[in-house]
Amino acid sequence: MPLVAAYFRPDSLDEALSLLAGPHRIVLGGGTTINSDRQRSDVEVVDLQALGLDSIESSETELRIGATATLADVAGSDQVPDGLRAIARRESPSTLRTLATIGGLIASAHPDSVLLAALLVHGASVDLAGSEAMPLASVLAQGVPSQAIITAVRLDPTGVLCHAATGRTPADVPIVAAVARAGAGGISLALTGVAATPITVDPDDPVGGLAPPGDFRGSSGYRVELAGVLAARALGGLR
């Protein structure tokens, strides 16, 4: 376990929000992020396990995934469309999928998350206790509002989904990935690995204005070129 200063497990959202008002306090979902830090700190964690935020519910027009539903829950739920389930099954190693939560995934806003890209093209919005609901794209760009708690993500489950990705090996996190969706409102496209978070882009000009940072897996120019190729593949798969 990380060397946290204190641990709280509230029984209600109101109690959780009250606890978060204290200094150095952060939300604990699945613990996969905070458990990676072994340094002593002043951090105090507010555990959401007892709040019943793990349900997955669907209708013809909306899919609601509770914030503490794990990636394994999403991958195994018959309430979730097949395309999203397939992406969820590849999001993390199986041992982490049983711990990592949808709320934690959104809060971490990892630039390589293909599942976040898939949620973006499904027009996802984020329910927040202590703040108004926000589009997922805004939460990724701005962060979770201070002292707010993600309670669920909502999205349109309809449409056809297709994605393409390239990694150093098939088992690696993709260097770049493209996720495309054809829905009632038209075609939407999102990319990973080309910005600080997954982003939506123009399907007609997917690499316009991109200037991703390079790293040991690929230069900026390589990522832009790869994004163009993968975007074309994902969009072509919708036909």
Protein backbone atom coordinates (compact mmCIF):
# COMPACT_ATOMS: atom_id res chain seq x y z
CA MET A 1 0.00 0.00 0.00
CA PRO A 2 1.11 3.61 -0.47
CA LEU A 3 2.25 5.47 2.58
CA VAL A 4 -0.88 7.60 2.97
CA ALA A 5 -1.52 9.64 6.10
CA ALA A 6 -5.16 8.64 6.67
CA TYR A 7 -7.98 6.52 5.25
CA PHE A 8 -11.73 7.27 5.26
CA ARG A 9 -14.62 5.11 4.04
CA PRO A 10 -17.81 7.22 3.99
CA ASP A 11 -21.29 5.71 3.90
CA SER A 12 -22.89 8.46 1.79
CA LEU A 13 -22.01 10.91 -0.96
CA ASP A 14 -22.69 13.83 1.38
CA GLU A 15 -20.18 12.44 3.86
CA ALA A 16 -17.67 11.84 1.07
CA LEU A 17 -18.02 15.42 -0.18
CA SER A 18 -17.61 16.74 3.36
CA LEU A 19 -14.45 14.70 3.83
CA LEU A 20 -13.00 15.95 0.54
CA ALA A 21 -13.22 19.51 1.86
CA GLY A 22 -10.29 18.71 4.15
CA PRO A 23 -6.70 19.38 3.07
CA HIS A 24 -4.63 16.77 1.23
CA ARG A 25 -7.64 14.52 0.60
CA ILE A 26 -8.26 12.66 -2.64
CA VAL A 27 -10.79 10.15 -3.91
CA LEU A 28 -9.86 6.46 -3.87
CA GLY A 29 -11.61 4.25 -6.41
CA GLY A 30 -9.84 1.08 -7.48
CA GLY A 31 -6.50 2.24 -6.11
CA THR A 32 -4.43 1.37 -9.18
CA THR A 33 -2.95 4.87 -9.45
CA ILE A 34 -2.29 5.64 -5.81
CA ASN A 35 -0.98 2.13 -5.18
CA SER A 36 1.81 2.79 -7.69
CA ASP A 37 3.24 5.48 -5.39
CA ARG A 38 5.39 4.16 -2.57
CA GLN A 39 6.58 7.50 -1.24
CA ARG A 40 5.49 8.80 2.15
CA SER A 41 3.07 11.70 1.77
CA ASP A 42 0.43 13.84 3.48
CA VAL A 43 -2.28 12.38 1.24
CA GLU A 44 -5.50 11.25 2.92
CA VAL A 45 -7.80 9.01 0.88
CA VAL A 46 -11.60 8.94 0.73
CA ASP A 47 -12.65 5.44 -0.37
CA LEU A 48 -15.87 5.24 -2.45
CA GLN A 49 -16.41 1.47 -2.15
CA ALA A 50 -19.40 1.71 0.19
CA LEU A 51 -21.40 4.19 -1.90
CA GLY A 52 -23.01 1.80 -4.40
CA LEU A 53 -21.68 3.57 -7.47
CA ASP A 54 -20.88 0.41 -9.44
CA SER A 55 -24.13 -0.25 -11.33
CA ILE A 56 -24.34 -0.51 -15.13
CA GLU A 57 -27.74 0.29 -16.61
CA SER A 58 -28.91 0.68 -20.19
CA SER A 59 -31.89 1.69 -22.27
CA GLU A 60 -32.34 2.11 -26.02
CA THR A 61 -30.96 5.65 -25.85
CA GLU A 62 -28.57 5.73 -22.89
CA LEU A 63 -25.93 3.63 -21.16
CA ARG A 64 -25.03 4.62 -17.60
CA ILE A 65 -21.86 3.21 -16.05
CA GLY A 66 -21.32 3.89 -12.35
CA ALA A 67 -18.00 5.41 -11.35
CA THR A 68 -16.80 2.45 -9.29
CA ALA A 69 -17.70 -0.14 -11.92
CA THR A 70 -14.43 -1.80 -12.85
CA LEU A 71 -13.07 -2.25 -16.34
CA ALA A 72 -13.72 -5.98 -15.88
CA ASP A 73 -17.35 -5.16 -15.06
CA VAL A 74 -17.64 -3.15 -18.28
CA ALA A 75 -15.93 -5.84 -20.34
CA GLY A 76 -18.27 -8.51 -18.99
CA SER A 77 -21.60 -6.68 -18.91
CA ASP A 78 -24.28 -7.57 -21.43
CA GLN A 79 -25.63 -4.04 -20.93
CA VAL A 80 -22.58 -2.66 -22.77
CA PRO A 81 -22.35 -2.71 -26.60
CA ASP A 82 -19.99 -5.32 -28.03
CA GLY A 83 -17.57 -2.74 -29.45
CA LEU A 84 -17.06 -1.04 -26.09
CA ARG A 85 -16.75 -4.39 -24.33
CA ALA A 86 -14.01 -5.48 -26.72
CA ILE A 87 -12.05 -2.28 -26.14
CA ALA A 88 -12.50 -2.57 -22.36
CA ARG A 89 -11.05 -6.09 -22.46
CA ARG A 90 -7.82 -4.70 -23.91
CA GLU A 91 -7.57 -1.55 -21.80
CA SER A 92 -5.26 -2.93 -19.09
CA PRO A 93 -3.76 -6.24 -17.96
CA SER A 94 -6.42 -8.56 -16.56
CA THR A 95 -5.16 -8.17 -12.99
CA LEU A 96 -5.67 -4.40 -13.18
CA ARG A 97 -9.03 -4.57 -14.97
CA THR A 98 -10.55 -6.14 -11.86
CA LEU A 99 -9.43 -3.12 -9.80
CA ALA A 100 -9.36 -0.10 -12.12
CA THR A 101 -12.64 1.82 -12.20
CA ILE A 102 -14.36 3.93 -14.85
CA GLY A 103 -14.21 6.93 -12.54
CA GLY A 104 -10.50 6.45 -12.03
CA LEU A 105 -9.96 6.05 -15.76
CA ILE A 106 -11.67 9.37 -16.42
CA ALA A 107 -9.87 11.17 -13.59
CA SER A 108 -6.46 9.93 -14.76
CA ALA A 109 -7.15 11.10 -18.36
CA HIS A 110 -4.29 8.97 -19.68
CA PRO A 111 -3.32 9.99 -23.22
CA ASP A 112 -3.06 6.35 -24.38
CA SER A 113 -6.48 5.16 -23.16
CA VAL A 114 -8.39 3.64 -26.06
CA LEU A 115 -11.46 3.16 -23.85
CA LEU A 116 -11.56 6.90 -23.13
CA ALA A 117 -11.40 7.53 -26.88
CA ALA A 118 -14.31 5.13 -27.36
CA LEU A 119 -16.34 6.94 -24.70
CA LEU A 120 -15.60 10.24 -26.45
CA VAL A 121 -16.99 9.10 -29.80
CA HIS A 122 -20.11 7.86 -28.01
CA GLY A 123 -20.75 11.43 -26.82
CA ALA A 124 -20.13 10.64 -23.14
CA SER A 125 -20.95 13.01 -20.31
CA VAL A 126 -19.82 12.74 -16.70
CA ASP A 127 -22.13 12.98 -13.66
CA LEU A 128 -20.49 14.77 -10.74
CA ALA A 129 -21.53 15.05 -7.09
CA GLY A 130 -20.67 18.53 -5.87
CA SER A 131 -20.73 20.01 -9.39
CA GLU A 132 -22.81 20.07 -12.56
CA ALA A 133 -22.50 17.28 -15.13
CA MET A 134 -19.86 17.93 -17.79
CA PRO A 135 -19.04 16.55 -21.24
CA LEU A 136 -16.29 13.96 -20.97
CA ALA A 137 -14.12 16.01 -23.34
CA SER A 138 -14.28 18.94 -20.90
CA VAL A 139 -13.40 16.78 -17.90
CA LEU A 140 -10.39 15.34 -19.75
CA ALA A 141 -9.21 18.81 -20.80
CA GLN A 142 -9.86 20.63 -17.51
CA GLY A 143 -9.70 17.90 -14.89
CA VAL A 144 -12.34 16.92 -12.33
CA PRO A 145 -13.60 20.06 -10.55
CA SER A 146 -12.11 20.61 -7.11
CA GLN A 147 -13.90 18.69 -4.34
CA ALA A 148 -16.26 17.02 -6.82
CA ILE A 149 -16.77 13.27 -7.17
CA ILE A 150 -17.40 11.39 -10.41
CA THR A 151 -20.52 9.29 -9.89
CA ALA A 152 -21.19 7.94 -13.39
CA VAL A 153 -20.58 8.31 -17.10
CA ARG A 154 -23.50 8.43 -19.54
CA LEU A 155 -23.36 7.82 -23.27
CA ASP A 156 -25.34 6.98 -26.37
CA PRO A 157 -24.86 3.21 -26.84
CA THR A 158 -26.09 3.13 -30.42
CA GLY A 159 -24.14 3.19 -33.67
CA VAL A 160 -21.30 1.22 -35.21
CA LEU A 161 -17.83 1.32 -33.64
CA CYS A 162 -14.48 0.52 -35.24
CA HIS A 163 -10.94 1.07 -34.00
CA ALA A 164 -7.37 0.62 -35.18
CA ALA A 165 -4.19 0.75 -33.11
CA THR A 166 -0.45 0.20 -33.36
CA GLY A 167 1.87 -0.76 -30.51
CA ARG A 168 5.41 -2.10 -30.33
CA THR A 169 3.88 -5.55 -29.77
CA PRO A 170 0.24 -6.72 -29.84
CA ALA A 171 0.24 -6.84 -26.03
CA ASP A 172 1.63 -3.31 -25.55
CA VAL A 173 -0.36 -0.16 -24.90
CA PRO A 174 -0.88 1.37 -28.36
CA ILE A 175 1.49 4.13 -29.42
CA VAL A 176 -1.44 5.68 -31.32
CA ALA A 177 -5.01 4.48 -31.71
CA ALA A 178 -8.03 5.71 -33.64
CA VAL A 179 -11.65 5.01 -32.68
CA ALA A 180 -14.46 5.84 -35.11
CA ARG A 181 -18.22 5.67 -34.67
CA ALA A 182 -21.09 6.06 -37.07
CA GLY A 183 -24.22 7.14 -35.21
CA ALA A 184 -27.45 9.00 -35.78
CA GLY A 185 -25.58 12.31 -35.60
CA GLY A 186 -22.97 11.30 -38.16
CA ILE A 187 -19.39 10.06 -37.90
CA SER A 188 -17.14 10.88 -34.95
CA LEU A 189 -13.44 10.11 -34.53
CA ALA A 190 -11.07 10.16 -31.57
CA LEU A 191 -7.32 9.59 -31.30
CA THR A 192 -4.99 8.52 -28.52
CA GLY A 193 -1.27 9.14 -28.19
CA VAL A 194 -1.28 12.50 -29.99
CA ALA A 195 -2.12 14.94 -27.18
CA ALA A 196 -2.11 15.25 -23.40
CA THR A 197 -5.38 13.26 -23.31
CA PRO A 198 -7.43 11.32 -25.87
CA ILE A 199 -9.11 13.85 -28.17
CA THR A 200 -11.84 14.03 -30.78
CA VAL A 201 -10.75 15.18 -34.22
CA ASP A 202 -12.34 16.11 -37.55
CA PRO A 203 -12.96 12.89 -39.54
CA ASP A 204 -12.27 14.88 -42.73
CA ASP A 205 -8.90 16.18 -41.43
CA PRO A 206 -7.86 13.93 -38.55
CA VAL A 207 -4.26 15.12 -38.22
CA GLY A 208 -4.81 18.82 -38.84
CA GLY A 209 -3.04 20.89 -36.18
CA LEU A 210 -1.60 17.90 -34.33
CA ALA A 211 1.80 18.37 -32.69
CA PRO A 212 2.22 15.43 -30.30
CA PRO A 213 5.29 15.12 -28.09
CA GLY A 214 7.67 12.36 -29.07
CA ASP A 215 9.14 9.74 -26.79
CA PHE A 216 11.12 6.50 -26.98
CA ARG A 217 8.20 4.83 -28.79
CA GLY A 218 8.02 7.33 -31.62
CA SER A 219 8.78 10.88 -32.69
CA SER A 220 6.16 13.58 -33.11
CA GLY A 221 6.23 13.19 -36.88
CA TYR A 222 5.89 9.42 -36.65
CA ARG A 223 2.85 9.76 -34.39
CA VAL A 224 1.17 12.19 -36.77
CA GLU A 225 1.80 9.88 -39.73
CA LEU A 226 0.55 6.89 -37.75
CA ALA A 227 -2.56 8.80 -36.67
CA GLY A 228 -3.44 9.48 -40.29
CA VAL A 229 -3.05 5.84 -41.29
CA LEU A 230 -5.01 4.51 -38.31
CA ALA A 231 -7.77 7.09 -38.70
CA ALA A 232 -8.25 5.98 -42.30
CA ARG A 233 -8.42 2.34 -41.21
CA ALA A 234 -10.95 3.01 -38.44
CA LEU A 235 -13.13 5.15 -40.69
CA GLY A 236 -12.87 2.57 -43.49
CA GLY A 237 -14.09 -0.10 -41.09
CA LEU A 238 -17.39 1.73 -40.70
CA ARG A 239 -18.28 1.13 -44.33
